Structure formats: C-alpha cells, structure tokens
Amino acid sequence: QVQLVESGGGLVQPGGSLRLSCAASGFSFSIYTMSWYRQAPGKERELVAAISTTGGNSNYANSVKGRFTISRDNVKNTVYLQMNSLKPEDTAVYYCKATYSIRTYWGQGTQVTVSS
C-alpha cells in the first residue's frame, strides 16, 4: 500500500522556521523524483520545490528561493522541506508528491500557518 505521510506543519510567527517531513512507504522511493507543492485558500496548487532521485539536483519556486531547502534521505525513505524566514504568504496546505514516469502519488497534506 502506497503511503506518503506529511508532518511538521503548524502555526509559526513571521520570520520563524518549520521543517516538514514526508515519510514514504509501499513503493521504491529512491527512483522517484520528490517534490513539495502548496495550496493556499482560493488559489491553485503550486510547485514549491523538487529534488532528483539522488538529491544532487533541486529546483525552487522563485518565491521561496534562498529561504526553503528540499532534501531527501533514501535510507529513511523521507523527503524534507526546511522553511526559514517564513512569511504570511507562505500560509498554505503543503503536499509532497512522488513521480516516476507516469506514476504519481500524493500525500494528504499538512497545514502551515504563518501569523503573528
């Protein structure tokens, strides 16, 4: 059974940090490109960051460059999103996604709220 389980979301003040985790099971994690998306109320889901199978390559949305870092651990079958200098506009539900060829799996999402 394929599972992607996000954790680490919550309420944080502007300028604060959070680290999201996405634990994968039920598929060959190491061959999947992993990414984080987010969806704010009333907006479309958008790509935040993506990382290659080995972790050697990553890319980011312009809005988070220099503040967010994506990483993965192919032993623990987990992908992370370190989020620093958080802004109110980062408030959204964050989802992890696994992609290999035509196969795509999504997690259930974790809420991140940035507010004072």
C-alpha atoms as a PDB file:
ATOM      1  CA  GLN A   1       0.000   0.000   0.000  1.00  0.00           C
ATOM      2  CA  VAL A   2       1.465   3.304  -1.115  1.00  0.00           C
ATOM      3  CA  GLN A   3       1.620   5.970   1.550  1.00  0.00           C
ATOM      4  CA  LEU A   4       3.023   9.478   1.740  1.00  0.00           C
ATOM      5  CA  VAL A   5       2.585  10.959   5.185  1.00  0.00           C
ATOM      6  CA  GLU A   6       3.470  14.601   5.762  1.00  0.00           C
ATOM      7  CA  SER A   7       4.202  16.031   9.181  1.00  0.00           C
ATOM      8  CA  GLY A   8       5.758  19.090  10.776  1.00  0.00           C
ATOM      9  CA  GLY A   9       3.203  21.719   9.891  1.00  0.00           C
ATOM     10  CA  GLY A  10       1.753  24.154  12.376  1.00  0.00           C
ATOM     11  CA  LEU A  11       1.428  27.765  13.416  1.00  0.00           C
ATOM     12  CA  VAL A  12       4.572  29.910  13.326  1.00  0.00           C
ATOM     13  CA  GLN A  13       5.252  33.619  13.587  1.00  0.00           C
ATOM     14  CA  PRO A  14       6.600  35.591  10.631  1.00  0.00           C
ATOM     15  CA  GLY A  15      10.342  35.127  10.400  1.00  0.00           C
ATOM     16  CA  GLY A  16      10.166  31.729  12.028  1.00  0.00           C
ATOM     17  CA  SER A  17      11.110  28.284  10.739  1.00  0.00           C
ATOM     18  CA  LEU A  18       9.482  24.915  10.230  1.00  0.00           C
ATOM     19  CA  ARG A  19      10.730  21.602   8.914  1.00  0.00           C
ATOM     20  CA  LEU A  20       8.273  19.459   7.027  1.00  0.00           C
ATOM     21  CA  SER A  21       8.789  15.730   6.594  1.00  0.00           C
ATOM     22  CA  CYS A  22       7.166  13.302   4.191  1.00  0.00           C
ATOM     23  CA  ALA A  23       7.600   9.621   5.001  1.00  0.00           C
ATOM     24  CA  ALA A  24       7.086   7.264   2.081  1.00  0.00           C
ATOM     25  CA  SER A  25       6.233   3.581   2.011  1.00  0.00           C
ATOM     26  CA  GLY A  26       4.882   0.995  -0.383  1.00  0.00           C
ATOM     27  CA  PHE A  27       6.993   1.932  -3.416  1.00  0.00           C
ATOM     28  CA  SER A  28      10.637   2.244  -4.472  1.00  0.00           C
ATOM     29  CA  PHE A  29      11.278   5.666  -3.022  1.00  0.00           C
ATOM     30  CA  SER A  30      14.820   6.076  -4.343  1.00  0.00           C
ATOM     31  CA  ILE A  31      13.774   6.022  -8.009  1.00  0.00           C
ATOM     32  CA  TYR A  32      11.080   8.664  -7.604  1.00  0.00           C
ATOM     33  CA  THR A  33      11.530  12.372  -8.064  1.00  0.00           C
ATOM     34  CA  MET A  34      10.118  14.040  -4.975  1.00  0.00           C
ATOM     35  CA  SER A  35       8.540  17.442  -4.737  1.00  0.00           C
ATOM     36  CA  TRP A  36       6.636  19.730  -2.418  1.00  0.00           C
ATOM     37  CA  TYR A  37       3.573  21.650  -3.511  1.00  0.00           C
ATOM     38  CA  ARG A  38       1.353  24.042  -1.643  1.00  0.00           C
ATOM     39  CA  GLN A  39      -2.173  25.314  -1.982  1.00  0.00           C
ATOM     40  CA  ALA A  40      -3.462  28.435  -0.322  1.00  0.00           C
ATOM     41  CA  PRO A  41      -7.201  29.097   0.086  1.00  0.00           C
ATOM     42  CA  GLY A  42      -8.742  30.169  -3.200  1.00  0.00           C
ATOM     43  CA  LYS A  43      -5.543  29.531  -5.144  1.00  0.00           C
ATOM     44  CA  GLU A  44      -4.264  26.792  -7.376  1.00  0.00           C
ATOM     45  CA  ARG A  45      -1.779  24.233  -6.124  1.00  0.00           C
ATOM     46  CA  GLU A  46       1.752  25.342  -6.959  1.00  0.00           C
ATOM     47  CA  LEU A  47       5.166  23.722  -7.054  1.00  0.00           C
ATOM     48  CA  VAL A  48       7.408  24.815  -4.194  1.00  0.00           C
ATOM     49  CA  ALA A  49      10.491  22.636  -4.660  1.00  0.00           C
ATOM     50  CA  ALA A  50      11.610  19.420  -6.304  1.00  0.00           C
ATOM     51  CA  ILE A  51      14.586  17.116  -5.834  1.00  0.00           C
ATOM     52  CA  SER A  52      16.120  14.471  -8.048  1.00  0.00           C
ATOM     53  CA  THR A  53      16.385  10.800  -7.138  1.00  0.00           C
ATOM     54  CA  THR A  54      19.897  11.080  -5.705  1.00  0.00           C
ATOM     55  CA  GLY A  55      19.399  14.531  -4.231  1.00  0.00           C
ATOM     56  CA  GLY A  56      22.028  16.004  -6.498  1.00  0.00           C
ATOM     57  CA  ASN A  57      19.679  18.401  -8.206  1.00  0.00           C
ATOM     58  CA  SER A  58      16.894  20.565  -6.882  1.00  0.00           C
ATOM     59  CA  ASN A  59      14.813  23.474  -8.034  1.00  0.00           C
ATOM     60  CA  TYR A  60      12.629  26.018  -6.303  1.00  0.00           C
ATOM     61  CA  ALA A  61       9.818  28.428  -6.943  1.00  0.00           C
ATOM     62  CA  ASN A  62      11.148  31.988  -7.157  1.00  0.00           C
ATOM     63  CA  SER A  63       9.033  32.936  -4.157  1.00  0.00           C
ATOM     64  CA  VAL A  64      10.927  30.565  -1.832  1.00  0.00           C
ATOM     65  CA  LYS A  65      14.467  30.620  -3.242  1.00  0.00           C
ATOM     66  CA  GLY A  66      17.020  31.330  -0.552  1.00  0.00           C
ATOM     67  CA  ARG A  67      14.526  30.579   2.235  1.00  0.00           C
ATOM     68  CA  PHE A  68      13.458  26.946   1.673  1.00  0.00           C
ATOM     69  CA  THR A  69      15.634  23.862   1.247  1.00  0.00           C
ATOM     70  CA  ILE A  70      14.470  20.493  -0.002  1.00  0.00           C
ATOM     71  CA  SER A  71      16.408  17.337   0.884  1.00  0.00           C
ATOM     72  CA  ARG A  72      15.878  13.601   0.955  1.00  0.00           C
ATOM     73  CA  ASP A  73      17.106  10.517   2.778  1.00  0.00           C
ATOM     74  CA  ASN A  74      16.856   7.423   0.601  1.00  0.00           C
ATOM     75  CA  VAL A  75      17.604   5.170   3.574  1.00  0.00           C
ATOM     76  CA  LYS A  76      14.770   6.582   5.654  1.00  0.00           C
ATOM     77  CA  ASN A  77      12.512   6.987   2.598  1.00  0.00           C
ATOM     78  CA  THR A  78      11.793  10.544   3.634  1.00  0.00           C
ATOM     79  CA  VAL A  79      11.840  13.925   1.941  1.00  0.00           C
ATOM     80  CA  TYR A  80      12.154  17.149   3.902  1.00  0.00           C
ATOM     81  CA  LEU A  81      11.396  20.806   3.399  1.00  0.00           C
ATOM     82  CA  GLN A  82      13.268  23.200   5.644  1.00  0.00           C
ATOM     83  CA  MET A  83      11.445  26.521   5.645  1.00  0.00           C
ATOM     84  CA  ASN A  84      13.158  29.591   7.069  1.00  0.00           C
ATOM     85  CA  SER A  85      12.213  33.272   7.200  1.00  0.00           C
ATOM     86  CA  LEU A  86       8.579  32.362   6.827  1.00  0.00           C
ATOM     87  CA  LYS A  87       6.125  34.958   5.600  1.00  0.00           C
ATOM     88  CA  PRO A  88       2.337  35.196   5.937  1.00  0.00           C
ATOM     89  CA  GLU A  89       2.072  34.475   2.210  1.00  0.00           C
ATOM     90  CA  ASP A  90       3.639  31.058   2.841  1.00  0.00           C
ATOM     91  CA  THR A  91       0.427  30.040   4.606  1.00  0.00           C
ATOM     92  CA  ALA A  92      -0.996  27.021   2.782  1.00  0.00           C
ATOM     93  CA  VAL A  93      -1.515  23.295   2.889  1.00  0.00           C
ATOM     94  CA  TYR A  94       1.760  21.661   1.871  1.00  0.00           C
ATOM     95  CA  TYR A  95       1.721  18.394  -0.044  1.00  0.00           C
ATOM     96  CA  CYS A  96       4.507  16.038  -1.039  1.00  0.00           C
ATOM     97  CA  LYS A  97       4.419  14.273  -4.365  1.00  0.00           C
ATOM     98  CA  ALA A  98       6.292  11.297  -5.759  1.00  0.00           C
ATOM     99  CA  THR A  99       6.758  10.949  -9.509  1.00  0.00           C
ATOM    100  CA  TYR A 100       8.243   8.190 -11.656  1.00  0.00           C
ATOM    101  CA  SER A 101       7.367   8.030 -15.319  1.00  0.00           C
ATOM    102  CA  ILE A 102       3.549   8.125 -15.425  1.00  0.00           C
ATOM    103  CA  ARG A 103       3.170   7.146 -11.779  1.00  0.00           C
ATOM    104  CA  THR A 104       2.331   9.901  -9.333  1.00  0.00           C
ATOM    105  CA  TYR A 105       1.470   9.682  -5.654  1.00  0.00           C
ATOM    106  CA  TRP A 106       0.320  12.470  -3.345  1.00  0.00           C
ATOM    107  CA  GLY A 107       0.291  12.852   0.402  1.00  0.00           C
ATOM    108  CA  GLN A 108      -2.689  14.129   2.349  1.00  0.00           C
ATOM    109  CA  GLY A 109      -1.110  17.486   3.159  1.00  0.00           C
ATOM    110  CA  THR A 110      -0.064  19.376   6.252  1.00  0.00           C
ATOM    111  CA  GLN A 111      -1.217  22.864   7.195  1.00  0.00           C
ATOM    112  CA  VAL A 112       1.323  25.650   7.605  1.00  0.00           C
ATOM    113  CA  THR A 113       0.060  28.919   9.025  1.00  0.00           C
ATOM    114  CA  VAL A 114       2.329  31.950   9.338  1.00  0.00           C
ATOM    115  CA  SER A 115       0.761  34.576  11.543  1.00  0.00           C
ATOM    116  CA  SER A 116       1.523  36.801  14.487  1.00  0.00           C
END
